[in-house]
Amino acid sequence: MVKDTELNNEPNKPFLELDIRGAAAATIIAAFAYISLFHYPLVRGLELTNLLFYMDVWPTFIAAVGYSTAYLISKRLYTNFGKPWSRYIGFSAAAALIFYWHLPANSFFGYGVCPADLNNPALYQLKRISYFIVGVLIYFAAKDFNKPWREALAIAFGKVMGWYGFYLTLVTEPLYVAPPVIFSLQLHHEAGAAMILSMIALDFLAAASLINHLFKDKKATPYPLTTS
């Protein structure tokens, strides 16, 4: 007979016990369901008129839903996705999906689709499913990493986002165009500036978390003063 401890990372906890992380995950999922059901026209309007919201804000929210769903499921089901090779596969697949859905339409040998998915219902749903999968992959690939590695990954992700944002601030003509959807040059610059600011904020949070991890168990000692 297989023991319960072999099937569950936390066998003594009920499936829907709402600790802080569980409550946050449930809140994210509930917020997504509420917005999708009752405020979808607003989301659609922002996607059509705001490049940053379309390209980063809403997809990140969808990825957070996937991450939260994976977290709640992992509370009950044992998942052996922590081996090094599976981590690499998970992160690589997530990075490839994010990279692909940022490619401007007709770029990359004609395979780019952004923002052509706004004109194609099938692509539109496929993109959202892809970002949900991104969240799931990131959770299962990173859940067994220690804190320094997680902070390093956050900083690395921020750098990629920041450099691409810097590139968007320098473009002289719109990249994301798929008539009738045309994002203006100003929207490109605004999105790029927001991505740079997001990189700075992510770096700060990651550094603060790492410092807290390194020094939280160490007792404070007086600074040695030297006398001449």
Protein backbone atom coordinates (compact mmCIF):
# COMPACT_ATOMS: atom_id res chain seq x y z
CA MET A 1 0.00 0.00 0.00
CA VAL A 2 1.26 3.43 -0.87
CA LYS A 3 1.54 5.72 2.10
CA ASP A 4 -0.27 9.01 2.11
CA THR A 5 3.01 10.84 2.63
CA GLU A 6 4.20 9.52 -0.73
CA LEU A 7 1.26 11.05 -2.56
CA ASN A 8 1.06 14.36 -0.82
CA ASN A 9 3.70 16.88 0.14
CA GLU A 10 1.56 18.00 3.06
CA PRO A 11 -0.75 15.05 3.89
CA ASN A 12 -2.08 16.41 7.16
CA LYS A 13 -3.46 19.59 5.63
CA PRO A 14 -6.93 19.73 4.04
CA PHE A 15 -7.12 20.34 0.30
CA LEU A 16 -8.47 23.88 0.49
CA GLU A 17 -6.81 25.07 3.65
CA LEU A 18 -6.34 28.78 3.07
CA ASP A 19 -2.95 29.71 4.42
CA ILE A 20 -1.56 33.05 3.27
CA ARG A 21 -0.26 31.73 -0.03
CA GLY A 22 -3.35 29.64 -0.64
CA ALA A 23 -5.58 32.61 0.06
CA ALA A 24 -3.58 34.77 -2.34
CA ALA A 25 -3.77 32.10 -5.03
CA ALA A 26 -7.52 31.68 -4.58
CA THR A 27 -7.98 35.46 -4.69
CA ILE A 28 -6.07 35.74 -7.97
CA ILE A 29 -8.17 33.00 -9.56
CA ALA A 30 -11.42 34.52 -8.27
CA ALA A 31 -10.42 37.99 -9.49
CA PHE A 32 -9.65 36.62 -12.94
CA ALA A 33 -13.00 34.81 -13.10
CA TYR A 34 -14.85 37.94 -11.98
CA ILE A 35 -13.10 40.22 -14.48
CA SER A 36 -13.52 37.73 -17.33
CA LEU A 37 -17.22 37.24 -16.64
CA PHE A 38 -18.33 40.77 -15.80
CA HIS A 39 -15.70 43.15 -17.23
CA TYR A 40 -14.54 41.45 -20.41
CA PRO A 41 -15.52 44.41 -22.67
CA LEU A 42 -13.20 46.63 -20.62
CA VAL A 43 -10.35 44.11 -20.96
CA ARG A 44 -10.95 43.82 -24.68
CA GLY A 45 -10.97 47.57 -25.09
CA LEU A 46 -7.68 47.95 -23.23
CA GLU A 47 -6.10 45.18 -25.30
CA LEU A 48 -7.04 47.00 -28.48
CA THR A 49 -5.84 50.42 -27.36
CA ASN A 50 -2.99 49.92 -24.87
CA LEU A 51 0.14 48.05 -25.96
CA LEU A 52 1.50 47.56 -22.44
CA PHE A 53 -1.77 46.10 -21.19
CA TYR A 54 -2.12 43.86 -24.23
CA MET A 55 1.47 42.63 -24.34
CA ASP A 56 2.44 42.39 -20.67
CA VAL A 57 -0.16 43.30 -18.03
CA TRP A 58 -3.02 40.99 -18.97
CA PRO A 59 -0.78 38.07 -20.05
CA THR A 60 1.11 38.34 -16.75
CA PHE A 61 -2.20 38.19 -14.89
CA ILE A 62 -3.16 35.07 -16.83
CA ALA A 63 0.23 33.50 -16.04
CA ALA A 64 -0.37 34.34 -12.36
CA VAL A 65 -3.68 32.44 -12.59
CA GLY A 66 -1.84 29.43 -14.00
CA TYR A 67 0.80 29.69 -11.27
CA SER A 68 -1.90 29.96 -8.58
CA THR A 69 -3.83 27.01 -9.99
CA ALA A 70 -0.68 24.89 -10.01
CA TYR A 71 0.03 25.91 -6.41
CA LEU A 72 -3.42 24.88 -5.19
CA ILE A 73 -3.26 21.58 -7.09
CA SER A 74 0.20 20.80 -5.72
CA LYS A 75 -1.20 21.15 -2.20
CA ARG A 76 -2.93 17.84 -2.78
CA LEU A 77 -1.10 16.03 -5.56
CA TYR A 78 2.53 15.02 -5.41
CA THR A 79 4.38 16.23 -8.51
CA ASN A 80 7.92 15.13 -9.26
CA PHE A 81 8.94 18.07 -11.44
CA GLY A 82 11.92 19.14 -9.43
CA LYS A 83 14.70 17.21 -11.17
CA PRO A 84 17.30 19.41 -12.88
CA TRP A 85 16.47 18.25 -16.41
CA SER A 86 12.75 18.82 -15.91
CA ARG A 87 13.40 22.28 -14.46
CA TYR A 88 15.39 23.23 -17.54
CA ILE A 89 12.66 21.92 -19.82
CA GLY A 90 9.99 23.78 -17.89
CA PHE A 91 11.81 27.12 -17.90
CA SER A 92 12.85 26.72 -21.53
CA ALA A 93 9.29 25.98 -22.62
CA ALA A 94 7.95 28.94 -20.64
CA ALA A 95 10.61 31.26 -22.10
CA ALA A 96 9.89 30.02 -25.63
CA LEU A 97 6.17 30.70 -25.25
CA ILE A 98 6.75 34.21 -23.90
CA PHE A 99 9.26 34.92 -26.66
CA TYR A 100 6.92 33.72 -29.39
CA TRP A 101 3.94 35.77 -28.27
CA HIS A 102 6.09 38.91 -28.26
CA LEU A 103 7.18 38.53 -31.88
CA PRO A 104 5.67 41.26 -34.10
CA ALA A 105 3.30 40.08 -36.82
CA ASN A 106 5.03 38.65 -39.91
CA SER A 107 8.46 38.73 -38.24
CA PHE A 108 10.60 35.64 -37.52
CA PHE A 109 10.27 34.21 -41.06
CA GLY A 110 6.61 35.17 -41.14
CA TYR A 111 5.65 33.28 -37.98
CA GLY A 112 5.19 36.27 -35.68
CA VAL A 113 1.59 36.93 -34.69
CA CYS A 114 1.59 39.85 -32.22
CA PRO A 115 -0.92 41.60 -32.35
CA ALA A 116 -2.63 39.58 -35.12
CA ASP A 117 -4.26 37.40 -32.46
CA LEU A 118 -6.59 40.31 -31.69
CA ASN A 119 -8.13 39.74 -35.13
CA ASN A 120 -8.27 35.95 -34.91
CA PRO A 121 -10.47 34.29 -32.22
CA ALA A 122 -8.52 31.02 -32.38
CA LEU A 123 -5.15 32.73 -31.91
CA TYR A 124 -6.68 34.95 -29.25
CA GLN A 125 -7.67 31.97 -27.11
CA LEU A 126 -4.46 30.09 -27.89
CA LYS A 127 -2.37 32.97 -26.57
CA ARG A 128 -4.28 33.05 -23.30
CA ILE A 129 -4.02 29.28 -22.88
CA SER A 130 -0.29 29.57 -23.58
CA TYR A 131 0.21 32.13 -20.81
CA PHE A 132 -1.78 29.98 -18.40
CA ILE A 133 0.59 27.12 -19.25
CA VAL A 134 3.54 29.48 -18.72
CA GLY A 135 2.39 30.07 -15.13
CA VAL A 136 2.01 26.33 -14.51
CA LEU A 137 5.44 25.57 -15.96
CA ILE A 138 7.14 28.28 -13.93
CA TYR A 139 5.57 27.06 -10.69
CA PHE A 140 6.52 23.41 -11.08
CA ALA A 141 9.98 24.27 -12.42
CA ALA A 142 10.81 26.74 -9.65
CA LYS A 143 9.04 25.36 -6.59
CA ASP A 144 12.04 23.34 -5.41
CA PHE A 145 14.60 26.07 -6.03
CA ASN A 146 16.03 27.73 -2.96
CA LYS A 147 15.44 31.42 -2.42
CA PRO A 148 18.75 32.74 -3.86
CA TRP A 149 18.09 30.92 -7.11
CA ARG A 150 14.55 32.30 -7.31
CA GLU A 151 15.84 35.82 -6.78
CA ALA A 152 18.49 35.26 -9.45
CA LEU A 153 15.83 34.10 -11.90
CA ALA A 154 13.66 37.12 -11.11
CA ILE A 155 16.60 39.46 -11.73
CA ALA A 156 17.47 37.69 -14.99
CA PHE A 157 13.87 37.92 -16.18
CA GLY A 158 13.80 41.59 -15.26
CA LYS A 159 16.93 42.24 -17.28
CA VAL A 160 15.45 40.67 -20.41
CA MET A 161 12.29 42.70 -19.95
CA GLY A 162 14.25 45.88 -19.28
CA TRP A 163 16.48 45.58 -22.33
CA TYR A 164 13.51 44.88 -24.57
CA GLY A 165 11.75 47.86 -23.03
CA PHE A 166 14.81 49.97 -23.78
CA TYR A 167 14.64 48.80 -27.39
CA LEU A 168 10.96 49.77 -27.62
CA THR A 169 11.76 53.27 -26.39
CA LEU A 170 14.19 53.71 -29.30
CA VAL A 171 12.12 52.42 -32.23
CA THR A 172 11.28 55.02 -34.84
CA GLU A 173 8.27 53.27 -36.35
CA PRO A 174 5.61 50.98 -34.88
CA LEU A 175 6.50 47.29 -34.64
CA TYR A 176 3.18 45.91 -33.47
CA VAL A 177 0.84 46.48 -36.37
CA ALA A 178 -1.81 44.10 -37.71
CA PRO A 179 -4.56 46.15 -39.39
CA PRO A 180 -7.06 47.15 -38.24
CA VAL A 181 -5.08 46.96 -34.96
CA ILE A 182 -2.30 49.54 -35.02
CA PHE A 183 -0.40 50.48 -31.87
CA SER A 184 1.08 53.95 -32.21
CA LEU A 185 4.73 54.82 -31.81
CA GLN A 186 3.92 56.66 -28.59
CA LEU A 187 2.37 53.49 -27.16
CA HIS A 188 5.57 51.62 -28.01
CA HIS A 189 7.64 54.20 -26.14
CA GLU A 190 5.29 54.21 -23.16
CA ALA A 191 5.33 50.41 -22.97
CA GLY A 192 9.12 50.38 -23.16
CA ALA A 193 9.46 52.94 -20.38
CA ALA A 194 7.05 50.96 -18.19
CA MET A 195 9.06 47.79 -18.78
CA ILE A 196 12.26 49.54 -17.71
CA LEU A 197 10.58 50.78 -14.52
CA SER A 198 9.23 47.27 -13.91
CA MET A 199 12.76 45.89 -14.21
CA ILE A 200 14.01 48.34 -11.58
CA ALA A 201 11.15 47.45 -9.23
CA LEU A 202 11.71 43.72 -9.75
CA ASP A 203 15.43 44.10 -9.06
CA PHE A 204 14.70 45.99 -5.86
CA LEU A 205 12.19 43.40 -4.61
CA ALA A 206 14.49 40.50 -5.48
CA ALA A 207 17.47 42.14 -3.77
CA ALA A 208 15.40 42.96 -0.67
CA SER A 209 14.11 39.38 -0.48
CA LEU A 210 17.63 37.99 -0.88
CA ILE A 211 19.06 40.26 1.82
CA ASN A 212 16.26 39.26 4.17
CA HIS A 213 16.96 35.59 3.46
CA LEU A 214 20.68 35.95 4.11
CA PHE A 215 20.47 37.95 7.33
CA LYS A 216 17.14 37.06 8.95
CA ASP A 217 18.63 34.49 11.35
CA LYS A 218 21.74 36.45 12.23
CA LYS A 219 21.93 38.43 15.43
CA ALA A 220 22.78 42.09 15.25
CA THR A 221 26.20 42.98 16.57
CA PRO A 222 27.62 46.43 17.32
CA TYR A 223 29.77 47.86 14.58
CA PRO A 224 33.39 47.77 15.78
CA LEU A 225 34.72 51.27 16.27
CA THR A 226 38.40 51.98 15.89
CA THR A 227 40.20 54.56 17.95
CA SER A 228 43.41 56.26 17.01
